[in-house]
C-alpha cells in the first residue's frame, strides 16, 4: 500500500474529478465505489482493475480484499478521508 498525502499526486489522477462522468468516459475508465462493488470487481469481473484508492480508516476492514489485490500487483493507494 502506498500512502497518498495530496490530491495532486499524479498516481491518483484517474480518481480526481470523477464527478465529471463525461471526462471519465472519454478516458475509457470505470470508477467502482463501495466495498461490495470493489470486491466483485476484484473477485469475478471480466474487467481489469488498474488501481485502488481507499480511505485509510477503511483499509483495515478490507485487509483480505487488499491482500488479493496486492497479490495481483494492483497498485493500492491509501489516503486520509477529508
C-alpha atoms as a PDB file:
ATOM      1  CA  UNK A   1       0.000   0.000   0.000  1.00  0.00           C
ATOM      2  CA  UNK A   2       1.252   3.410  -0.961  1.00  0.00           C
ATOM      3  CA  UNK A   3       0.307   6.458   1.131  1.00  0.00           C
ATOM      4  CA  UNK A   4      -1.127   9.483  -0.645  1.00  0.00           C
ATOM      5  CA  UNK A   5      -0.920  12.871   1.030  1.00  0.00           C
ATOM      6  CA  UNK A   6      -2.172  15.190  -1.720  1.00  0.00           C
ATOM      7  CA  UNK A   7      -4.980  15.038  -4.264  1.00  0.00           C
ATOM      8  CA  UNK A   8      -2.461  16.450  -6.740  1.00  0.00           C
ATOM      9  CA  UNK A   9      -0.412  13.243  -6.606  1.00  0.00           C
ATOM     10  CA  UNK A  10      -0.179  12.031 -10.247  1.00  0.00           C
ATOM     11  CA  UNK A  11      -0.592   8.389  -9.163  1.00  0.00           C
ATOM     12  CA  UNK A  12      -4.273   9.063  -8.412  1.00  0.00           C
ATOM     13  CA  UNK A  13      -5.059  11.253 -11.427  1.00  0.00           C
ATOM     14  CA  UNK A  14      -7.744   8.797 -12.616  1.00  0.00           C
ATOM     15  CA  UNK A  15      -9.629   9.278  -9.347  1.00  0.00           C
ATOM     16  CA  UNK A  16      -9.689  13.091  -9.474  1.00  0.00           C
ATOM     17  CA  UNK A  17     -12.776  14.855 -10.869  1.00  0.00           C
ATOM     18  CA  UNK A  18     -14.787  11.627 -11.102  1.00  0.00           C
ATOM     19  CA  UNK A  19     -17.978  13.645 -10.793  1.00  0.00           C
ATOM     20  CA  UNK A  20     -17.435  14.653 -14.384  1.00  0.00           C
ATOM     21  CA  UNK A  21     -18.777  11.432 -15.917  1.00  0.00           C
ATOM     22  CA  UNK A  22     -18.085  12.611 -19.461  1.00  0.00           C
ATOM     23  CA  UNK A  23     -14.384  13.012 -18.646  1.00  0.00           C
ATOM     24  CA  UNK A  24     -14.304   9.520 -17.139  1.00  0.00           C
ATOM     25  CA  UNK A  25     -15.969   8.053 -20.256  1.00  0.00           C
ATOM     26  CA  UNK A  26     -13.531   9.828 -22.541  1.00  0.00           C
ATOM     27  CA  UNK A  27     -10.618   8.326 -20.613  1.00  0.00           C
ATOM     28  CA  UNK A  28     -12.153   4.862 -21.034  1.00  0.00           C
ATOM     29  CA  UNK A  29     -12.315   4.023 -17.351  1.00  0.00           C
ATOM     30  CA  UNK A  30     -14.966   2.986 -14.872  1.00  0.00           C
ATOM     31  CA  UNK A  31     -14.747   4.056 -11.238  1.00  0.00           C
ATOM     32  CA  UNK A  32     -16.148   1.430  -8.848  1.00  0.00           C
ATOM     33  CA  UNK A  33     -17.172   2.707  -5.440  1.00  0.00           C
ATOM     34  CA  UNK A  34     -18.117   0.850  -2.294  1.00  0.00           C
ATOM     35  CA  UNK A  35     -16.720  -2.313  -0.789  1.00  0.00           C
ATOM     36  CA  UNK A  36     -19.291  -4.650  -2.382  1.00  0.00           C
ATOM     37  CA  UNK A  37     -18.670  -3.376  -5.910  1.00  0.00           C
ATOM     38  CA  UNK A  38     -14.902  -3.295  -5.468  1.00  0.00           C
ATOM     39  CA  UNK A  39     -14.943  -6.835  -4.040  1.00  0.00           C
ATOM     40  CA  UNK A  40     -16.961  -8.006  -7.064  1.00  0.00           C
ATOM     41  CA  UNK A  41     -14.545  -6.308  -9.444  1.00  0.00           C
ATOM     42  CA  UNK A  42     -11.556  -7.992  -7.814  1.00  0.00           C
ATOM     43  CA  UNK A  43     -13.031 -11.442  -7.386  1.00  0.00           C
ATOM     44  CA  UNK A  44     -15.022 -12.064 -10.513  1.00  0.00           C
ATOM     45  CA  UNK A  45     -15.151  -9.290 -13.033  1.00  0.00           C
ATOM     46  CA  UNK A  46     -14.073  -9.597 -16.632  1.00  0.00           C
ATOM     47  CA  UNK A  47     -12.751  -6.034 -16.428  1.00  0.00           C
ATOM     48  CA  UNK A  48      -9.181  -5.346 -15.317  1.00  0.00           C
ATOM     49  CA  UNK A  49      -8.596  -3.357 -12.139  1.00  0.00           C
ATOM     50  CA  UNK A  50      -5.992  -0.643 -12.704  1.00  0.00           C
ATOM     51  CA  UNK A  51      -5.675   0.703  -9.165  1.00  0.00           C
ATOM     52  CA  UNK A  52      -7.407   1.023  -5.810  1.00  0.00           C
ATOM     53  CA  UNK A  53      -7.759   4.231  -3.824  1.00  0.00           C
ATOM     54  CA  UNK A  54      -9.023   3.698  -0.300  1.00  0.00           C
ATOM     55  CA  UNK A  55      -9.514   5.846   2.778  1.00  0.00           C
ATOM     56  CA  UNK A  56      -7.005   4.979   5.471  1.00  0.00           C
ATOM     57  CA  UNK A  57      -9.745   4.298   8.024  1.00  0.00           C
ATOM     58  CA  UNK A  58     -11.400   1.731   5.700  1.00  0.00           C
ATOM     59  CA  UNK A  59      -8.256  -0.236   4.853  1.00  0.00           C
ATOM     60  CA  UNK A  60      -8.236  -2.494   7.968  1.00  0.00           C
ATOM     61  CA  UNK A  61     -11.802  -3.699   7.312  1.00  0.00           C
ATOM     62  CA  UNK A  62     -10.865  -4.653   3.746  1.00  0.00           C
ATOM     63  CA  UNK A  63      -7.478  -6.214   4.516  1.00  0.00           C
ATOM     64  CA  UNK A  64      -8.394  -9.539   2.859  1.00  0.00           C
ATOM     65  CA  UNK A  65      -9.507  -7.790  -0.298  1.00  0.00           C
ATOM     66  CA  UNK A  66      -6.429  -5.583  -0.400  1.00  0.00           C
ATOM     67  CA  UNK A  67      -4.176  -8.612   0.084  1.00  0.00           C
ATOM     68  CA  UNK A  68      -5.732 -10.225  -3.013  1.00  0.00           C
ATOM     69  CA  UNK A  69      -5.173  -7.029  -4.973  1.00  0.00           C
ATOM     70  CA  UNK A  70      -1.549  -6.884  -3.845  1.00  0.00           C
ATOM     71  CA  UNK A  71      -1.047 -10.490  -4.985  1.00  0.00           C
ATOM     72  CA  UNK A  72      -2.153  -9.369  -8.449  1.00  0.00           C
ATOM     73  CA  UNK A  73       0.244  -6.390  -8.357  1.00  0.00           C
ATOM     74  CA  UNK A  74      -2.629  -3.892  -8.416  1.00  0.00           C
ATOM     75  CA  UNK A  75      -1.473  -0.546  -7.007  1.00  0.00           C
ATOM     76  CA  UNK A  76      -3.218   0.300  -3.723  1.00  0.00           C
ATOM     77  CA  UNK A  77      -3.227   3.953  -2.694  1.00  0.00           C
ATOM     78  CA  UNK A  78      -4.239   4.892   0.841  1.00  0.00           C
ATOM     79  CA  UNK A  79      -5.257   8.440   1.698  1.00  0.00           C
ATOM     80  CA  UNK A  80      -6.817  10.240   4.627  1.00  0.00           C
ATOM     81  CA  UNK A  81     -10.507  10.883   4.100  1.00  0.00           C
ATOM     82  CA  UNK A  82     -11.297  14.572   4.244  1.00  0.00           C
END
